[in-house]
Amino acid sequence: MAHTLILASRTNPSGAHVFNLPGAAIDQAGLIEAIESAIPGSSDLLSFAPVSLPFPSEIDHDGFESLGEVPLTPFAQGIGATVSILRSLADSGRLDPAEHGL
C-alpha cells in the first residue's frame, strides 16, 4: 500500500483522479481458509454469518496502470505476512490487546 501511495505521489496527472486498488475478491469462507492456512486449527475458533454484503462483485480498475508498476500481494500471502507481524509483536511483548480495546 505504501509503495502504491509513493508511486501515486510521483505521477503528474492533470485534474483529480480516483483509483481503486486491485486485489482479489474474497468471501468469508475464503478469509477463514487463508487464516487457517497461516494458523492451523484457527478455523475452529472462527465463524461467520453466510450473508452477502452490498458491495459490487467487480470493481473498475481502469487507469490504475498510469501509476506505474504497482505491486500486488496475493491474498493468502498478505494474511501470512500479517500473522507473522502480529506473532512477532506478541513475542516481543508489544501486542497488548487492552491497548487496542480488546
Foldseek 3Di string as FASTA:
>chain_A
DVVLVVLVVPDDDPDDDDFDDDADDADPVRVLVLLCVLPPPCNVVDDDDPDDDPDDPDDDGPPSCSSPDDDYDHPSRVSNVVVVVVVVCVVVVNDDVVVVVD
